[in-house]
Amino acid sequence: MILTTSRKPSRKTRRLARVLAAFMNWEYITRGKLSLEDLYSMLKKNENLAIIEEIKGNPAILKIVNSQGRLILQMKFTVGEIKRIKMDNSPVAFYGKPPFDPLLLEALPSSKPAAKLVSKLDFKKEVYVRKKDDLVVLEFKYNNELITRLKVYESRVYI
């Protein structure tokens, strides 16, 4: 998957995009003057494009779009502190029940068969999903150190 931002992202949006791309093992591309058509042409077959958009200078929307330009997933969120640390390319495991399929983000879901695999292996990259009132909180942890926390207040799957 390729991750990019809106055309003129703020510093916080660029930082989140780089950290999220490194965490999820995605390729980060600086958008610049690239159009969406240019980005779609860079995708391989069956590869998706993730775009982080902002509201009032803050990262606020994550869209996952397939190579034909169809919207697959949209999440509206607020973001907390973002830590930048060196990470390896180990797989990502989700713990809890997110309102979307973690396979859309190229991560291991918390289904029963995957849970057996997750329990046997020691994953360095973990995403903990908690529900708090009407929010879904995603905590991204690397070696049990909190990297960032996204408070998702709306998510839609378009499949």
C-alpha atoms as a PDB file:
ATOM      1  CA  MET A   1       0.000   0.000   0.000  1.00  0.00           C
ATOM      2  CA  ILE A   2       1.108   3.544  -0.709  1.00  0.00           C
ATOM      3  CA  LEU A   3       0.426   6.353   1.775  1.00  0.00           C
ATOM      4  CA  THR A   4       0.357  10.019   0.877  1.00  0.00           C
ATOM      5  CA  THR A   5      -1.186  13.239   2.166  1.00  0.00           C
ATOM      6  CA  SER A   6      -3.236  16.101   0.791  1.00  0.00           C
ATOM      7  CA  ARG A   7      -1.454  18.584  -1.468  1.00  0.00           C
ATOM      8  CA  LYS A   8      -0.100  21.023   1.116  1.00  0.00           C
ATOM      9  CA  PRO A   9       0.035  19.120   4.398  1.00  0.00           C
ATOM     10  CA  SER A  10       0.925  20.634   7.730  1.00  0.00           C
ATOM     11  CA  ARG A  11       3.992  19.468   9.637  1.00  0.00           C
ATOM     12  CA  LYS A  12       1.839  17.354  11.983  1.00  0.00           C
ATOM     13  CA  THR A  13       0.121  15.642   9.044  1.00  0.00           C
ATOM     14  CA  ARG A  14       3.451  14.822   7.375  1.00  0.00           C
ATOM     15  CA  ARG A  15       4.797  13.468  10.642  1.00  0.00           C
ATOM     16  CA  LEU A  16       1.750  11.242  11.187  1.00  0.00           C
ATOM     17  CA  ALA A  17       1.939  10.010   7.595  1.00  0.00           C
ATOM     18  CA  ARG A  18       5.614   9.042   7.899  1.00  0.00           C
ATOM     19  CA  VAL A  19       5.157   7.337  11.274  1.00  0.00           C
ATOM     20  CA  LEU A  20       2.013   5.500  10.170  1.00  0.00           C
ATOM     21  CA  ALA A  21       3.665   4.362   6.929  1.00  0.00           C
ATOM     22  CA  ALA A  22       6.686   3.028   8.826  1.00  0.00           C
ATOM     23  CA  PHE A  23       4.478   1.346  11.420  1.00  0.00           C
ATOM     24  CA  MET A  24       2.157  -0.340   8.902  1.00  0.00           C
ATOM     25  CA  ASN A  25       5.004  -1.222   6.455  1.00  0.00           C
ATOM     26  CA  TRP A  26       3.542   0.992   3.748  1.00  0.00           C
ATOM     27  CA  GLU A  27       5.427   3.086   1.208  1.00  0.00           C
ATOM     28  CA  TYR A  28       5.249   6.840   1.896  1.00  0.00           C
ATOM     29  CA  ILE A  29       5.193   9.180  -1.098  1.00  0.00           C
ATOM     30  CA  THR A  30       5.461  12.946  -0.810  1.00  0.00           C
ATOM     31  CA  ARG A  31       2.431  14.241  -2.706  1.00  0.00           C
ATOM     32  CA  GLY A  32       3.664  17.581  -4.006  1.00  0.00           C
ATOM     33  CA  LYS A  33       1.924  18.358  -7.289  1.00  0.00           C
ATOM     34  CA  LEU A  34       0.996  14.761  -8.086  1.00  0.00           C
ATOM     35  CA  SER A  35      -2.627  14.339  -9.106  1.00  0.00           C
ATOM     36  CA  LEU A  36      -4.719  11.394  -7.961  1.00  0.00           C
ATOM     37  CA  GLU A  37      -4.441   9.909 -11.460  1.00  0.00           C
ATOM     38  CA  ASP A  38      -0.640  10.040 -11.177  1.00  0.00           C
ATOM     39  CA  LEU A  39      -0.849   8.261  -7.826  1.00  0.00           C
ATOM     40  CA  TYR A  40      -3.196   5.595  -9.226  1.00  0.00           C
ATOM     41  CA  SER A  41      -0.757   4.951 -12.063  1.00  0.00           C
ATOM     42  CA  MET A  42       1.981   4.255  -9.492  1.00  0.00           C
ATOM     43  CA  LEU A  43      -0.058   1.487  -7.856  1.00  0.00           C
ATOM     44  CA  LYS A  44       0.601  -2.143  -8.630  1.00  0.00           C
ATOM     45  CA  LYS A  45      -2.258  -4.489  -9.448  1.00  0.00           C
ATOM     46  CA  ASN A  46      -4.568  -5.009  -6.431  1.00  0.00           C
ATOM     47  CA  GLU A  47      -2.647  -2.402  -4.409  1.00  0.00           C
ATOM     48  CA  ASN A  48      -4.463   0.299  -2.447  1.00  0.00           C
ATOM     49  CA  LEU A  49      -3.747   3.962  -1.836  1.00  0.00           C
ATOM     50  CA  ALA A  50      -4.068   5.563   1.608  1.00  0.00           C
ATOM     51  CA  ILE A  51      -4.547   9.324   1.814  1.00  0.00           C
ATOM     52  CA  ILE A  52      -4.401  11.394   4.988  1.00  0.00           C
ATOM     53  CA  GLU A  53      -6.420  14.583   4.712  1.00  0.00           C
ATOM     54  CA  GLU A  54      -6.586  17.389   7.215  1.00  0.00           C
ATOM     55  CA  ILE A  55      -9.102  19.745   8.737  1.00  0.00           C
ATOM     56  CA  LYS A  56      -7.860  23.142   9.929  1.00  0.00           C
ATOM     57  CA  GLY A  57      -4.214  22.042   9.609  1.00  0.00           C
ATOM     58  CA  ASN A  58      -4.592  18.835  11.633  1.00  0.00           C
ATOM     59  CA  PRO A  59      -4.650  15.284  10.282  1.00  0.00           C
ATOM     60  CA  ALA A  60      -8.299  14.211  10.475  1.00  0.00           C
ATOM     61  CA  ILE A  61      -9.341  11.792   7.713  1.00  0.00           C
ATOM     62  CA  LEU A  62      -7.779   8.560   6.463  1.00  0.00           C
ATOM     63  CA  LYS A  63      -9.118   7.283   3.144  1.00  0.00           C
ATOM     64  CA  ILE A  64      -8.221   3.934   1.609  1.00  0.00           C
ATOM     65  CA  VAL A  65      -8.858   3.865  -2.148  1.00  0.00           C
ATOM     66  CA  ASN A  66      -8.348   0.934  -4.525  1.00  0.00           C
ATOM     67  CA  SER A  67      -6.466   1.136  -7.828  1.00  0.00           C
ATOM     68  CA  GLN A  68      -9.692   1.898  -9.736  1.00  0.00           C
ATOM     69  CA  GLY A  69     -10.328   4.953  -7.551  1.00  0.00           C
ATOM     70  CA  ARG A  70     -13.159   3.438  -5.489  1.00  0.00           C
ATOM     71  CA  LEU A  71     -13.272   4.399  -1.814  1.00  0.00           C
ATOM     72  CA  ILE A  72     -12.876   1.336   0.430  1.00  0.00           C
ATOM     73  CA  LEU A  73     -12.540   2.802   3.923  1.00  0.00           C
ATOM     74  CA  GLN A  74     -12.867   6.250   5.446  1.00  0.00           C
ATOM     75  CA  MET A  75     -11.990   7.076   9.050  1.00  0.00           C
ATOM     76  CA  LYS A  76     -12.393  10.437  10.755  1.00  0.00           C
ATOM     77  CA  PHE A  77     -10.137  10.802  13.773  1.00  0.00           C
ATOM     78  CA  THR A  78      -8.242  13.036  16.113  1.00  0.00           C
ATOM     79  CA  VAL A  79      -4.608  12.292  16.835  1.00  0.00           C
ATOM     80  CA  GLY A  80      -2.588  12.646  20.007  1.00  0.00           C
ATOM     81  CA  GLU A  81       1.167  12.830  20.419  1.00  0.00           C
ATOM     82  CA  ILE A  82       3.219  11.226  17.637  1.00  0.00           C
ATOM     83  CA  LYS A  83       6.591   9.655  18.502  1.00  0.00           C
ATOM     84  CA  ARG A  84       9.165   8.993  15.803  1.00  0.00           C
ATOM     85  CA  ILE A  85      11.353   5.979  16.451  1.00  0.00           C
ATOM     86  CA  LYS A  86      13.164   3.482  14.259  1.00  0.00           C
ATOM     87  CA  MET A  87      11.007   0.468  13.452  1.00  0.00           C
ATOM     88  CA  ASP A  88      11.612  -2.771  11.620  1.00  0.00           C
ATOM     89  CA  ASN A  89       9.396  -4.363   8.949  1.00  0.00           C
ATOM     90  CA  SER A  90       7.719  -6.855  11.261  1.00  0.00           C
ATOM     91  CA  PRO A  91       3.992  -7.565  10.717  1.00  0.00           C
ATOM     92  CA  VAL A  92       1.258  -5.653  12.527  1.00  0.00           C
ATOM     93  CA  ALA A  93      -1.304  -7.365  14.761  1.00  0.00           C
ATOM     94  CA  PHE A  94      -4.649  -5.914  15.863  1.00  0.00           C
ATOM     95  CA  TYR A  95      -6.028  -6.702  19.311  1.00  0.00           C
ATOM     96  CA  GLY A  96      -9.700  -6.011  19.936  1.00  0.00           C
ATOM     97  CA  LYS A  97     -12.572  -5.474  17.534  1.00  0.00           C
ATOM     98  CA  PRO A  98     -12.097  -2.538  15.172  1.00  0.00           C
ATOM     99  CA  PRO A  99     -15.128  -1.247  13.210  1.00  0.00           C
ATOM    100  CA  PHE A 100     -13.374  -2.327   9.987  1.00  0.00           C
ATOM    101  CA  ASP A 101     -11.436  -5.343   8.764  1.00  0.00           C
ATOM    102  CA  PRO A 102      -7.724  -4.966   9.650  1.00  0.00           C
ATOM    103  CA  LEU A 103      -6.890  -6.728   6.371  1.00  0.00           C
ATOM    104  CA  LEU A 104      -7.888  -3.463   4.665  1.00  0.00           C
ATOM    105  CA  LEU A 105      -4.835  -1.969   6.394  1.00  0.00           C
ATOM    106  CA  GLU A 106      -2.675  -5.023   5.596  1.00  0.00           C
ATOM    107  CA  ALA A 107      -2.570  -6.135   9.234  1.00  0.00           C
ATOM    108  CA  LEU A 108      -3.454  -9.375  10.998  1.00  0.00           C
ATOM    109  CA  PRO A 109      -7.032  -9.336  12.263  1.00  0.00           C
ATOM    110  CA  SER A 110      -8.179 -10.468  15.654  1.00  0.00           C
ATOM    111  CA  SER A 111     -10.262 -13.361  14.309  1.00  0.00           C
ATOM    112  CA  LYS A 112     -10.050 -16.769  15.967  1.00  0.00           C
ATOM    113  CA  PRO A 113      -7.560 -18.352  13.505  1.00  0.00           C
ATOM    114  CA  ALA A 114      -5.390 -15.232  13.510  1.00  0.00           C
ATOM    115  CA  ALA A 115      -5.630 -14.991  17.303  1.00  0.00           C
ATOM    116  CA  LYS A 116      -3.956 -18.398  17.596  1.00  0.00           C
ATOM    117  CA  LEU A 117      -1.115 -17.208  15.373  1.00  0.00           C
ATOM    118  CA  VAL A 118      -0.850 -13.895  17.221  1.00  0.00           C
ATOM    119  CA  SER A 119      -0.688 -15.666  20.602  1.00  0.00           C
ATOM    120  CA  LYS A 120       2.136 -17.972  19.419  1.00  0.00           C
ATOM    121  CA  LEU A 121       4.267 -15.230  17.915  1.00  0.00           C
ATOM    122  CA  ASP A 122       5.705 -12.197  19.636  1.00  0.00           C
ATOM    123  CA  PHE A 123       4.686  -9.178  17.584  1.00  0.00           C
ATOM    124  CA  LYS A 124       6.623  -5.950  17.987  1.00  0.00           C
ATOM    125  CA  LYS A 125       3.965  -3.857  16.242  1.00  0.00           C
ATOM    126  CA  GLU A 126       0.575  -3.980  17.901  1.00  0.00           C
ATOM    127  CA  VAL A 127      -2.601  -1.961  17.537  1.00  0.00           C
ATOM    128  CA  TYR A 128      -4.929  -2.111  20.518  1.00  0.00           C
ATOM    129  CA  VAL A 129      -8.572  -1.292  19.838  1.00  0.00           C
ATOM    130  CA  ARG A 130     -10.656   0.036  22.718  1.00  0.00           C
ATOM    131  CA  LYS A 131     -14.160   1.419  22.741  1.00  0.00           C
ATOM    132  CA  LYS A 132     -14.766   4.473  24.874  1.00  0.00           C
ATOM    133  CA  ASP A 133     -18.302   5.881  24.706  1.00  0.00           C
ATOM    134  CA  ASP A 134     -18.948   6.583  21.001  1.00  0.00           C
ATOM    135  CA  LEU A 135     -15.228   6.598  20.155  1.00  0.00           C
ATOM    136  CA  VAL A 136     -12.971   3.812  18.991  1.00  0.00           C
ATOM    137  CA  VAL A 137      -9.432   4.355  20.248  1.00  0.00           C
ATOM    138  CA  LEU A 138      -6.552   2.836  18.254  1.00  0.00           C
ATOM    139  CA  GLU A 139      -3.283   2.676  20.200  1.00  0.00           C
ATOM    140  CA  PHE A 140      -0.239   1.992  18.030  1.00  0.00           C
ATOM    141  CA  LYS A 141       2.526   0.362  20.082  1.00  0.00           C
ATOM    142  CA  TYR A 142       5.996  -0.747  19.087  1.00  0.00           C
ATOM    143  CA  ASN A 143       7.792  -2.954  21.643  1.00  0.00           C
ATOM    144  CA  ASN A 144       5.092  -1.955  24.154  1.00  0.00           C
ATOM    145  CA  GLU A 145       5.932   1.743  23.682  1.00  0.00           C
ATOM    146  CA  LEU A 146       3.049   3.971  22.609  1.00  0.00           C
ATOM    147  CA  ILE A 147       3.780   5.547  19.226  1.00  0.00           C
ATOM    148  CA  THR A 148       0.481   7.361  18.701  1.00  0.00           C
ATOM    149  CA  ARG A 149      -3.181   7.185  19.595  1.00  0.00           C
ATOM    150  CA  LEU A 150      -6.012   7.796  17.127  1.00  0.00           C
ATOM    151  CA  LYS A 151      -9.499   8.522  18.441  1.00  0.00           C
ATOM    152  CA  VAL A 152     -11.800   7.426  15.629  1.00  0.00           C
ATOM    153  CA  TYR A 153     -15.189   9.083  15.878  1.00  0.00           C
ATOM    154  CA  GLU A 154     -16.541   7.889  12.527  1.00  0.00           C
ATOM    155  CA  SER A 155     -15.608   5.081  10.162  1.00  0.00           C
ATOM    156  CA  ARG A 156     -17.260   3.693   7.066  1.00  0.00           C
ATOM    157  CA  VAL A 157     -16.455   0.673   4.933  1.00  0.00           C
ATOM    158  CA  TYR A 158     -17.520   0.942   1.277  1.00  0.00           C
ATOM    159  CA  ILE A 159     -17.230  -2.636   0.018  1.00  0.00           C
END
